[in-house]
Amino acid sequence: MNTESRPLQIILQSLDLLERDRPTIRLLLLSLITILFFTSSISHAQARPAPEEDTQQWNDIQLAVELNKQVDFNLYGTFRVGRDITHLVERRAGVGFTFKLGKYLSLAPNYLGIVMRPSEGRKVNENRLTFPATVRVPLGKFVLSDRNQIERRLRFPLDSTRYRNRLQIEHPIKIGETSLQLFAADEVFYDWSFDAWVRNRFFVGLSRKFNKHFTGDVYYMRQNDGRSRPGDLHVIGVTYRLRY
């Protein structure tokens, strides 16, 4: 089976469980399909070594549909522009669920199909199974969250497993009449392929809730990774989060 078509089949099968006449869901599905199959020009020249550092722009779309008070159905789509923001270097599409266990704990198992072109002439496909558990606790005007995540990465030539921990703090602010959420986070990665902590990511950004259905985030991220190529990244990211 073509690995690039697998996420689309999962999404279509899962949507049969939902209300089919929701125009917003159909619009988001179309967006995810577009992201999945959107391709840039592919060079057939000999692969060149990837640089150690890159500047990228990341775009994420997340759709959550409430099935009941404790369970959400989720769709994910991502595209990342790299090589100094000149080429599409990664696209993702995925599906999953969020299970809310009490006031503070949530579990969100999901599947992602990923296609990467980190450098000219190099293409990597990955199927990723992820199990994150997040504790989110209000502390006065602050909100502290701690996400612990296990990833199983299915890819050629070698599968691998990673652990990720992301600690984040949020605080409301106002700019004029606009209410925003300021956040900062740090995430570390442990990879059993190397038996080592291999990556660190630091985030700082702003989140705005436009209405009960739509929240947008914009952030800067700095990644340090001495094993991947490119591993050291400067990223400007945007996340579109929709909820119905």
Protein backbone atom coordinates (compact mmCIF):
# COMPACT_ATOMS: atom_id res chain seq x y z
CA MET A 1 0.00 0.00 0.00
CA ASN A 2 1.25 3.48 -0.83
CA THR A 3 2.31 5.04 2.48
CA GLU A 4 1.27 8.52 1.34
CA SER A 5 -2.35 7.40 0.80
CA ARG A 6 -2.73 5.70 4.17
CA PRO A 7 -3.49 8.87 6.23
CA LEU A 8 -6.18 9.90 3.72
CA GLN A 9 -7.91 6.51 3.98
CA ILE A 10 -7.89 6.70 7.79
CA ILE A 11 -9.37 10.20 7.74
CA LEU A 12 -12.15 9.24 5.32
CA GLN A 13 -13.09 6.14 7.32
CA SER A 14 -13.12 8.09 10.59
CA LEU A 15 -15.35 10.83 9.20
CA ASP A 16 -18.06 8.22 8.52
CA LEU A 17 -18.54 8.17 12.30
CA LEU A 18 -19.32 11.89 12.39
CA GLU A 19 -22.11 14.06 11.06
CA ARG A 20 -21.49 14.24 7.32
CA ASP A 21 -23.39 17.44 6.66
CA ARG A 22 -21.08 19.75 8.60
CA PRO A 23 -19.59 22.14 6.01
CA THR A 24 -16.72 23.17 8.27
CA ILE A 25 -15.54 19.59 8.72
CA ARG A 26 -15.64 19.05 4.96
CA LEU A 27 -13.66 22.26 4.46
CA LEU A 28 -11.00 21.15 6.95
CA LEU A 29 -10.81 17.71 5.34
CA LEU A 30 -10.24 19.36 1.98
CA SER A 31 -7.46 21.45 3.55
CA LEU A 32 -5.80 18.34 5.00
CA ILE A 33 -6.03 16.53 1.64
CA THR A 34 -4.48 19.56 -0.06
CA ILE A 35 -1.63 19.60 2.47
CA LEU A 36 -1.07 15.85 2.09
CA PHE A 37 -0.84 15.88 -1.71
CA PHE A 38 0.66 19.32 -2.25
CA THR A 39 4.12 18.79 -3.66
CA SER A 40 6.97 21.01 -4.61
CA SER A 41 9.37 20.33 -7.46
CA ILE A 42 11.52 17.22 -6.86
CA SER A 43 15.11 17.22 -7.92
CA HIS A 44 16.42 13.96 -9.37
CA ALA A 45 20.01 15.03 -9.01
CA GLN A 46 22.36 13.31 -6.64
CA ALA A 47 21.45 14.07 -3.02
CA ARG A 48 23.52 16.80 -1.43
CA PRO A 49 24.55 16.80 2.24
CA ALA A 50 22.00 18.64 4.37
CA PRO A 51 23.22 21.70 6.29
CA GLU A 52 23.46 21.62 10.06
CA GLU A 53 21.27 24.74 10.49
CA ASP A 54 18.10 26.00 8.79
CA THR A 55 15.44 28.69 9.04
CA GLN A 56 11.89 27.39 8.62
CA GLN A 57 8.23 28.41 8.75
CA TRP A 58 5.74 25.89 10.21
CA ASN A 59 1.97 25.80 9.72
CA ASP A 60 -0.37 23.53 11.68
CA ILE A 61 -4.13 22.98 11.41
CA GLN A 62 -5.91 21.13 14.21
CA LEU A 63 -9.61 20.27 14.15
CA ALA A 64 -11.30 18.90 17.28
CA VAL A 65 -14.88 17.61 17.14
CA GLU A 66 -16.52 16.96 20.51
CA LEU A 67 -18.08 13.50 20.55
CA ASN A 68 -19.09 13.86 24.19
CA LYS A 69 -17.88 15.73 27.28
CA GLN A 70 -14.91 13.40 27.74
CA VAL A 71 -13.88 12.52 24.15
CA ASP A 72 -12.83 14.59 21.11
CA PHE A 73 -12.12 13.36 17.60
CA ASN A 74 -9.09 15.11 16.09
CA LEU A 75 -7.71 15.79 12.61
CA TYR A 76 -4.21 17.17 12.05
CA GLY A 77 -2.50 18.78 9.07
CA THR A 78 0.95 20.35 8.81
CA PHE A 79 3.23 21.81 6.21
CA ARG A 80 6.72 23.14 6.88
CA VAL A 81 8.73 25.39 4.58
CA GLY A 82 12.49 25.21 5.00
CA ARG A 83 15.85 25.57 3.28
CA ASP A 84 15.76 29.20 4.42
CA ILE A 85 11.99 29.31 3.74
CA THR A 86 12.28 28.50 0.03
CA HIS A 87 11.07 24.87 -0.27
CA LEU A 88 8.34 22.69 1.16
CA VAL A 89 10.36 20.29 3.33
CA GLU A 90 7.68 18.41 5.29
CA ARG A 91 3.97 17.65 5.21
CA ARG A 92 1.84 15.70 7.66
CA ALA A 93 -1.72 14.47 7.99
CA GLY A 94 -3.12 12.60 10.96
CA VAL A 95 -6.05 11.44 13.03
CA GLY A 96 -6.57 10.78 16.73
CA PHE A 97 -8.69 11.17 19.84
CA THR A 98 -8.46 13.11 23.10
CA PHE A 99 -9.72 11.49 26.29
CA LYS A 100 -10.25 13.82 29.26
CA LEU A 101 -9.71 12.07 32.57
CA GLY A 102 -10.89 14.42 35.29
CA LYS A 103 -10.09 18.15 35.46
CA TYR A 104 -6.35 18.04 34.85
CA LEU A 105 -5.32 14.95 32.83
CA SER A 106 -5.85 14.20 29.13
CA LEU A 107 -4.64 11.39 26.85
CA ALA A 108 -4.43 11.97 23.08
CA PRO A 109 -3.29 8.91 21.07
CA ASN A 110 -2.86 9.67 17.38
CA TYR A 111 -1.41 8.57 14.05
CA LEU A 112 0.59 10.77 11.66
CA GLY A 113 1.67 10.10 8.09
CA ILE A 114 4.76 12.20 7.35
CA VAL A 115 6.68 12.97 4.15
CA MET A 116 9.98 14.85 4.55
CA ARG A 117 12.38 16.38 2.02
CA PRO A 118 15.02 17.82 4.36
CA SER A 119 17.53 18.47 1.57
CA GLU A 120 17.72 18.37 -2.22
CA GLY A 121 17.32 14.85 -3.62
CA ARG A 122 16.48 13.29 -0.23
CA LYS A 123 13.00 12.00 0.66
CA VAL A 124 11.94 10.26 3.89
CA ASN A 125 8.53 8.69 4.64
CA GLU A 126 7.39 7.98 8.17
CA ASN A 127 4.35 6.50 9.90
CA ARG A 128 4.24 7.69 13.50
CA LEU A 129 2.18 6.36 16.42
CA THR A 130 2.10 8.80 19.34
CA PHE A 131 0.73 8.57 22.87
CA PRO A 132 0.86 11.88 24.80
CA ALA A 133 -0.38 12.34 28.37
CA THR A 134 -0.78 15.95 29.50
CA VAL A 135 -1.32 17.37 32.98
CA ARG A 136 -2.65 20.94 32.94
CA VAL A 137 -2.98 22.83 36.24
CA PRO A 138 -4.06 26.44 36.95
CA LEU A 139 -1.79 28.31 39.37
CA GLY A 140 -3.45 31.64 40.08
CA LYS A 141 -3.22 33.65 36.85
CA PHE A 142 -0.75 31.15 35.41
CA VAL A 143 -1.43 27.78 33.79
CA LEU A 144 1.25 25.09 33.99
CA SER A 145 1.16 22.07 31.68
CA ASP A 146 3.45 19.06 31.43
CA ARG A 147 3.19 16.77 28.41
CA ASN A 148 4.86 13.35 28.44
CA GLN A 149 4.87 11.65 25.06
CA ILE A 150 5.99 8.31 23.61
CA GLU A 151 6.48 8.04 19.83
CA ARG A 152 6.93 4.93 17.72
CA ARG A 153 8.47 5.95 14.38
CA LEU A 154 8.02 3.47 11.53
CA ARG A 155 10.42 4.36 8.71
CA PHE A 156 13.12 2.98 6.42
CA PRO A 157 15.76 1.77 7.11
CA LEU A 158 15.30 1.63 10.89
CA ASP A 159 12.29 2.07 13.18
CA SER A 160 12.84 3.96 16.41
CA THR A 161 11.18 5.04 19.66
CA ARG A 162 11.40 8.45 21.33
CA TYR A 163 10.29 10.00 24.61
CA ARG A 164 9.45 13.70 24.73
CA ASN A 165 8.72 15.95 27.71
CA ARG A 166 7.33 19.45 27.22
CA LEU A 167 6.87 21.84 30.14
CA GLN A 168 4.83 24.97 29.37
CA ILE A 169 3.66 28.01 31.30
CA GLU A 170 0.95 30.46 30.18
CA HIS A 171 -0.21 33.84 31.43
CA PRO A 172 -2.97 36.17 30.13
CA ILE A 173 -1.98 39.62 28.87
CA LYS A 174 -3.70 42.52 27.12
CA ILE A 175 -2.46 44.61 24.20
CA GLY A 176 -4.92 47.49 23.95
CA GLU A 177 -8.35 45.88 23.99
CA THR A 178 -7.06 42.53 22.72
CA SER A 179 -6.82 39.66 25.22
CA LEU A 180 -3.95 37.27 24.55
CA GLN A 181 -2.24 34.33 26.20
CA LEU A 182 1.54 34.57 26.50
CA PHE A 183 3.28 31.19 26.66
CA ALA A 184 6.79 29.80 26.95
CA ALA A 185 7.80 26.14 26.79
CA ASP A 186 10.80 23.85 26.71
CA GLU A 187 10.79 20.33 25.28
CA VAL A 188 13.47 17.63 25.49
CA PHE A 189 13.76 14.43 23.42
CA TYR A 190 15.22 11.07 24.43
CA ASP A 191 15.90 8.65 21.55
CA TRP A 192 16.47 4.97 22.30
CA SER A 193 18.29 4.59 18.96
CA PHE A 194 21.13 6.60 20.49
CA ASP A 195 20.40 5.96 24.18
CA ALA A 196 20.75 9.70 24.68
CA TRP A 197 18.93 13.01 25.03
CA VAL A 198 19.24 14.21 21.45
CA ARG A 199 17.14 17.36 21.04
CA ASN A 200 15.93 20.47 22.84
CA ARG A 201 13.25 22.91 21.72
CA PHE A 202 12.45 26.28 23.29
CA PHE A 203 9.21 28.10 22.39
CA VAL A 204 7.81 31.55 23.12
CA GLY A 205 4.60 32.86 21.61
CA LEU A 206 1.14 34.35 21.81
CA SER A 207 -2.27 32.72 21.59
CA ARG A 208 -5.56 34.46 20.80
CA LYS A 209 -9.07 33.03 21.09
CA PHE A 210 -11.10 34.71 18.33
CA ASN A 211 -14.36 32.94 19.20
CA LYS A 212 -15.55 29.64 20.71
CA HIS A 213 -14.60 27.78 17.52
CA PHE A 214 -11.25 29.30 16.52
CA THR A 215 -7.97 29.93 18.37
CA GLY A 216 -4.72 30.99 16.71
CA ASP A 217 -1.13 30.76 17.95
CA VAL A 218 2.01 32.43 16.65
CA TYR A 219 5.42 31.53 18.10
CA TYR A 220 9.18 31.46 17.71
CA MET A 221 11.01 28.19 18.29
CA ARG A 222 14.72 27.43 18.63
CA GLN A 223 15.77 23.81 18.17
CA ASN A 224 19.19 22.36 19.01
CA ASP A 225 19.99 18.86 17.77
CA GLY A 226 23.51 17.68 17.03
CA ARG A 227 22.45 14.40 15.37
CA SER A 228 19.80 15.37 12.79
CA ARG A 229 20.57 17.28 9.57
CA PRO A 230 19.46 19.99 9.65
CA GLY A 231 19.22 19.84 13.44
CA ASP A 232 19.64 23.42 14.61
CA LEU A 233 16.54 25.37 13.57
CA HIS A 234 15.09 28.84 13.80
CA VAL A 235 11.32 28.54 13.30
CA ILE A 236 8.43 30.97 13.01
CA GLY A 237 5.24 28.94 13.52
CA VAL A 238 1.49 29.42 13.21
CA THR A 239 -1.15 27.06 14.61
CA TYR A 240 -4.83 27.20 13.65
CA ARG A 241 -7.01 25.37 16.19
CA LEU A 242 -10.67 24.80 15.38
CA ARG A 243 -13.22 23.19 17.69
CA TYR A 244 -16.82 22.07 17.09
